Amino acid sequence: MGQPTVGILHPGSMGAAVAACAATHAAAVLWCEAGRSPASAARAGRFGLTVVPTLRELLDRSDIVISLCPPAAAEGLAHDVAKHRFDGVYLEANAINPERTARIAELFEPAATVVDGGVVGSPPVRGKTPVLYLSGPDAATERIEGLFAGTAVETRTLGTEVGKASALKLSYASFQKTSRVLVALAVGMAREHGVDQELIEVASRRTDSYLSEPQYVAKTAARAWRWGPELEEAADALAAAGLPPEMLRAAASTLARWNDVKDDSELMLTDALDRLAQP
């Protein structure tokens, strides 16, 4: 089997960087410009992705399609792809709960093979090496492993059951993202009473505490537009397991107060806390 052609759907900061790694073992990596922003076009160009005018052309040419987009768009995108009777390998790599992943897999049966994926870590640029967890049929997961072999994206396969990779991704996100929201609330409360520096000093005695690094709150605020929907997905997964979802839903609604500072890399801690207190 020769090198596959790969299609990336909605190349955001993670998707474009992951697709660029896939290019190492691909004949070409395609993206569709229809409906995408100038920022997406610039990003795709920076990563050397090949533009095609329509989704149909992307799907007709691609052996493997990677879906990496905001959680809310995942099922709509899958429906669009399934309508075109795509018959290759569909890597569903979004931060969505296992039940949604299973629904997407059913959409494609029997024409295409769905591999469940979950990316843990930052986009693979400037030395970052995220792990792409996979679950699904052996032959298809092996193709994805081969696509990223020797690149900055490390792959680990969890088994043949679609849903396992999504479950692991959301389990980790539940802790990682909610803990940062709690930092924002704790520092905001302490600042209100003039003891924020003392709080950081108390926390810094423990080297494993996010609370000792409150500068991370501004980064959390800039990512809130993505993290909130991801925590809603994780809350759905908790509810499906009979576990209480309220804490994650509350964290998601807290994050929503920062939706208007999407990807603002200049945001300061004080601005983030002010927005949290007075949306």
Protein backbone atom coordinates (compact mmCIF):
# COMPACT_ATOMS: atom_id res chain seq x y z
CA MET A 1 0.00 0.00 0.00
CA GLY A 2 1.46 3.38 -1.02
CA GLN A 3 1.35 6.58 0.96
CA PRO A 4 -2.22 7.65 1.74
CA THR A 5 -3.80 10.98 0.91
CA VAL A 6 -5.11 12.62 4.09
CA GLY A 7 -7.91 15.16 4.50
CA ILE A 8 -8.11 17.43 7.55
CA LEU A 9 -11.51 18.91 8.44
CA HIS A 10 -11.51 22.44 9.93
CA PRO A 11 -7.74 22.93 10.42
CA GLY A 12 -7.62 24.88 13.69
CA SER A 13 -4.45 25.30 15.75
CA MET A 14 -4.44 21.64 16.85
CA GLY A 15 -5.83 20.18 13.61
CA ALA A 16 -3.42 21.98 11.30
CA ALA A 17 -0.38 21.07 13.41
CA VAL A 18 -1.44 17.41 13.67
CA ALA A 19 -2.11 17.32 9.91
CA ALA A 20 1.35 18.73 9.24
CA CYS A 21 2.85 15.81 11.20
CA ALA A 22 0.76 13.38 9.15
CA ALA A 23 2.30 14.89 6.00
CA THR A 24 5.54 13.01 6.80
CA HIS A 25 3.93 9.73 5.65
CA ALA A 26 1.23 11.07 3.32
CA ALA A 27 1.16 11.64 -0.42
CA ALA A 28 -0.68 14.90 0.34
CA VAL A 29 -2.66 16.52 3.16
CA LEU A 30 -5.77 18.31 1.90
CA TRP A 31 -8.06 20.88 3.47
CA CYS A 32 -11.24 22.45 2.11
CA GLU A 33 -11.43 26.25 1.96
CA ALA A 34 -15.25 26.43 1.56
CA GLY A 35 -16.70 28.40 4.48
CA ARG A 36 -13.37 28.77 6.27
CA SER A 37 -11.91 32.06 7.53
CA PRO A 38 -8.81 33.91 6.24
CA ALA A 39 -7.14 32.90 9.52
CA SER A 40 -7.75 29.22 8.69
CA ALA A 41 -6.34 29.74 5.20
CA ALA A 42 -3.22 31.45 6.57
CA ARG A 43 -2.74 28.67 9.14
CA ALA A 44 -3.15 25.92 6.55
CA GLY A 45 -0.68 27.69 4.29
CA ARG A 46 1.83 28.03 7.12
CA PHE A 47 1.66 24.28 7.75
CA GLY A 48 1.98 23.44 4.04
CA LEU A 49 -1.47 21.88 3.61
CA THR A 50 -2.93 21.57 0.09
CA VAL A 51 -6.12 23.54 -0.52
CA VAL A 52 -9.11 22.05 -2.39
CA PRO A 53 -12.30 24.01 -3.23
CA THR A 54 -14.96 21.54 -2.05
CA LEU A 55 -15.56 18.90 0.60
CA ARG A 56 -16.49 16.45 -2.16
CA GLU A 57 -13.05 16.78 -3.78
CA LEU A 58 -11.34 16.35 -0.39
CA LEU A 59 -13.32 13.18 0.29
CA ASP A 60 -12.93 11.76 -3.24
CA ARG A 61 -9.16 12.11 -2.98
CA SER A 62 -8.61 11.15 0.68
CA ASP A 63 -7.89 7.66 2.06
CA ILE A 64 -7.89 8.94 5.65
CA VAL A 65 -9.94 11.87 6.99
CA ILE A 66 -9.12 13.52 10.33
CA SER A 67 -11.87 15.39 12.18
CA LEU A 68 -10.39 17.78 14.77
CA CYS A 69 -12.76 20.67 15.48
CA PRO A 70 -14.72 22.27 18.35
CA PRO A 71 -16.95 19.63 20.02
CA ALA A 72 -20.19 21.29 18.90
CA ALA A 73 -19.29 20.84 15.22
CA ALA A 74 -18.26 17.16 15.41
CA GLU A 75 -21.55 15.46 14.54
CA GLY A 76 -22.55 17.98 11.88
CA LEU A 77 -19.21 17.47 10.15
CA ALA A 78 -19.56 13.69 10.38
CA HIS A 79 -23.03 13.89 8.80
CA ASP A 80 -21.62 16.02 5.95
CA VAL A 81 -18.87 13.49 5.30
CA ALA A 82 -21.16 10.45 5.59
CA LYS A 83 -23.60 12.01 3.07
CA HIS A 84 -20.83 11.85 0.47
CA ARG A 85 -20.48 8.10 1.14
CA PHE A 86 -16.83 8.40 2.21
CA ASP A 87 -15.37 4.88 2.34
CA GLY A 88 -11.92 5.30 3.88
CA VAL A 89 -10.73 5.65 7.49
CA TYR A 90 -12.41 8.43 9.48
CA LEU A 91 -10.40 9.53 12.54
CA GLU A 92 -12.91 11.08 14.95
CA ALA A 93 -10.40 12.95 17.12
CA ASN A 94 -12.68 15.50 18.81
CA ALA A 95 -13.21 15.99 22.54
CA ILE A 96 -16.68 14.44 22.57
CA ASN A 97 -18.26 11.91 24.87
CA PRO A 98 -18.18 8.18 24.03
CA GLU A 99 -21.92 8.00 23.20
CA ARG A 100 -21.54 10.68 20.53
CA THR A 101 -18.48 8.90 19.17
CA ALA A 102 -20.51 5.67 18.89
CA ARG A 103 -23.30 7.54 17.05
CA ILE A 104 -20.76 8.91 14.59
CA ALA A 105 -19.32 5.43 14.03
CA GLU A 106 -22.82 4.14 13.21
CA LEU A 107 -23.27 6.91 10.64
CA PHE A 108 -20.41 5.54 8.57
CA GLU A 109 -21.19 1.82 8.75
CA PRO A 110 -20.49 -0.17 6.67
CA ALA A 111 -18.87 2.12 4.06
CA ALA A 112 -16.10 3.69 6.15
CA THR A 113 -14.13 2.61 9.21
CA VAL A 114 -14.18 4.96 12.20
CA VAL A 115 -11.23 5.21 14.57
CA ASP A 116 -11.85 6.97 17.88
CA GLY A 117 -9.08 9.42 18.78
CA GLY A 118 -8.28 11.70 21.71
CA VAL A 119 -5.39 14.18 21.74
CA VAL A 120 -3.82 14.84 25.12
CA GLY A 121 -1.33 17.70 25.21
CA SER A 122 -0.58 20.88 23.26
CA PRO A 123 -0.38 21.21 19.46
CA PRO A 124 2.80 19.57 18.08
CA VAL A 125 4.80 22.75 17.44
CA ARG A 126 7.94 24.22 19.06
CA GLY A 127 8.99 20.91 20.62
CA LYS A 128 5.60 19.92 22.03
CA THR A 129 4.74 16.22 21.67
CA PRO A 130 1.06 15.43 22.29
CA VAL A 131 -0.20 11.86 22.54
CA LEU A 132 -2.97 10.74 20.19
CA TYR A 133 -4.85 7.90 21.90
CA LEU A 134 -6.68 5.56 19.51
CA SER A 135 -9.34 2.89 19.75
CA GLY A 136 -11.05 0.99 16.96
CA PRO A 137 -10.55 -1.86 14.50
CA ASP A 138 -6.96 -3.12 14.43
CA ALA A 139 -6.21 -2.56 10.74
CA ALA A 140 -7.48 1.03 10.85
CA THR A 141 -5.66 1.99 14.07
CA GLU A 142 -2.47 0.52 12.60
CA ARG A 143 -2.87 2.81 9.58
CA ILE A 144 -3.16 5.84 11.88
CA GLU A 145 -0.15 4.68 13.91
CA GLY A 146 1.83 4.40 10.67
CA LEU A 147 0.73 7.86 9.59
CA PHE A 148 2.30 9.45 12.69
CA ALA A 149 5.28 7.12 13.20
CA GLY A 150 8.43 9.07 14.05
CA THR A 151 6.61 12.44 14.23
CA ALA A 152 5.91 14.83 17.10
CA VAL A 153 2.51 13.13 17.55
CA GLU A 154 2.93 9.97 19.60
CA THR A 155 0.18 7.36 19.19
CA ARG A 156 -1.05 4.83 21.71
CA THR A 157 -3.80 2.32 20.97
CA LEU A 158 -6.20 1.40 23.78
CA GLY A 159 -8.05 -1.48 22.10
CA THR A 160 -10.64 -2.15 19.43
CA GLU A 161 -13.65 -0.59 21.17
CA VAL A 162 -14.72 2.81 19.78
CA GLY A 163 -15.25 5.16 22.73
CA LYS A 164 -12.21 4.26 24.83
CA ALA A 165 -10.03 7.07 23.43
CA SER A 166 -12.83 9.62 23.90
CA ALA A 167 -13.38 8.44 27.47
CA LEU A 168 -9.69 8.78 28.34
CA LYS A 169 -9.47 12.25 26.77
CA LEU A 170 -12.51 13.53 28.69
CA SER A 171 -11.47 11.88 31.95
CA TYR A 172 -8.20 13.79 31.81
CA ALA A 173 -9.86 17.01 30.61
CA SER A 174 -12.32 16.82 33.51
CA PHE A 175 -9.47 17.22 35.98
CA GLN A 176 -7.09 19.35 33.96
CA LYS A 177 -9.54 22.00 32.82
CA THR A 178 -11.77 22.15 35.90
CA SER A 179 -8.76 22.52 38.20
CA ARG A 180 -7.73 25.65 36.29
CA VAL A 181 -11.24 27.09 36.66
CA LEU A 182 -10.97 26.51 40.43
CA VAL A 183 -7.67 28.42 40.44
CA ALA A 184 -9.41 31.41 38.85
CA LEU A 185 -12.18 31.35 41.47
CA ALA A 186 -9.75 30.96 44.40
CA VAL A 187 -7.46 33.78 43.24
CA GLY A 188 -10.46 35.98 42.44
CA MET A 189 -11.85 35.51 45.95
CA ALA A 190 -8.47 36.15 47.58
CA ARG A 191 -7.90 39.28 45.48
CA GLU A 192 -11.27 40.66 46.60
CA HIS A 193 -9.97 40.53 50.19
CA GLY A 194 -6.39 41.61 49.45
CA VAL A 195 -4.77 38.25 50.24
CA ASP A 196 -4.00 36.99 46.72
CA GLN A 197 -0.21 37.11 47.18
CA GLU A 198 -0.53 35.27 50.49
CA LEU A 199 -2.68 32.61 48.78
CA ILE A 200 -0.02 32.07 46.11
CA GLU A 201 2.64 31.84 48.82
CA VAL A 202 0.62 29.19 50.69
CA ALA A 203 0.08 27.23 47.48
CA SER A 204 3.71 27.49 46.36
CA ARG A 205 4.78 25.37 49.32
CA ARG A 206 3.19 22.54 47.33
CA THR A 207 4.98 22.12 44.02
CA ASP A 208 2.09 20.24 42.41
CA SER A 209 -0.51 23.01 42.76
CA TYR A 210 -1.86 25.03 39.81
CA LEU A 211 -2.78 27.58 42.46
CA SER A 212 0.89 28.59 42.74
CA GLU A 213 0.86 29.57 39.04
CA PRO A 214 -2.16 31.88 38.70
CA GLN A 215 -0.72 33.42 35.54
CA TYR A 216 -2.22 30.35 33.87
CA VAL A 217 -5.70 31.80 34.48
CA ALA A 218 -5.30 34.21 31.53
CA LYS A 219 -4.41 31.29 29.25
CA THR A 220 -7.47 29.44 30.55
CA ALA A 221 -9.66 32.46 29.75
CA ALA A 222 -8.34 32.62 26.18
CA ARG A 223 -9.15 28.93 25.70
CA ALA A 224 -12.53 29.05 27.44
CA TRP A 225 -14.49 28.99 24.16
CA ARG A 226 -13.04 25.50 23.48
CA TRP A 227 -12.76 24.18 27.02
CA GLY A 228 -16.35 24.94 28.07
CA PRO A 229 -17.98 22.76 25.39
CA GLU A 230 -15.41 20.02 26.14
CA LEU A 231 -16.42 20.01 29.82
CA GLU A 232 -20.10 19.85 28.79
CA GLU A 233 -19.20 16.70 26.83
CA ALA A 234 -17.40 15.33 29.89
CA ALA A 235 -20.45 16.17 32.04
CA ASP A 236 -22.64 14.19 29.62
CA ALA A 237 -20.22 11.27 29.95
CA LEU A 238 -20.44 11.47 33.76
CA ALA A 239 -24.25 11.56 33.64
CA ALA A 240 -24.30 8.55 31.30
CA ALA A 241 -22.22 6.66 33.88
CA GLY A 242 -24.63 7.59 36.67
CA LEU A 243 -22.11 10.04 38.17
CA PRO A 244 -23.00 13.63 39.18
CA PRO A 245 -22.22 16.07 36.32
CA GLU A 246 -23.02 19.33 38.15
CA MET A 247 -19.45 20.37 38.98
CA LEU A 248 -18.30 20.12 35.37
CA ARG A 249 -21.42 21.93 34.13
CA ALA A 250 -20.71 24.71 36.63
CA ALA A 251 -17.10 24.91 35.41
CA ALA A 252 -18.37 25.13 31.82
CA SER A 253 -20.76 27.97 32.67
CA THR A 254 -17.91 29.74 34.51
CA LEU A 255 -15.75 29.43 31.41
CA ALA A 256 -18.56 30.92 29.31
CA ARG A 257 -17.92 34.27 31.02
CA TRP A 258 -14.66 34.41 29.06
CA ASN A 259 -16.06 33.54 25.63
CA ASP A 260 -15.46 37.08 24.35
CA VAL A 261 -11.68 36.87 24.86
CA LYS A 262 -11.28 33.94 22.46
CA ASP A 263 -7.58 33.22 21.74
CA ASP A 264 -6.48 36.57 23.25
CA SER A 265 -2.79 35.95 23.89
CA GLU A 266 -2.32 39.46 25.34
CA LEU A 267 -4.84 38.96 28.15
CA MET A 268 -3.50 39.67 31.65
CA LEU A 269 -4.46 37.91 34.89
CA THR A 270 -6.16 41.04 36.27
CA ASP A 271 -8.28 41.41 33.10
CA ALA A 272 -9.30 37.74 33.23
CA LEU A 273 -10.34 38.01 36.89
CA ASP A 274 -12.22 41.28 36.25
CA ARG A 275 -14.18 39.61 33.45
CA LEU A 276 -14.95 36.64 35.67
CA ALA A 277 -16.34 38.94 38.39
CA GLN A 278 -18.21 41.29 36.04
CA PRO A 279 -19.15 39.56 32.80
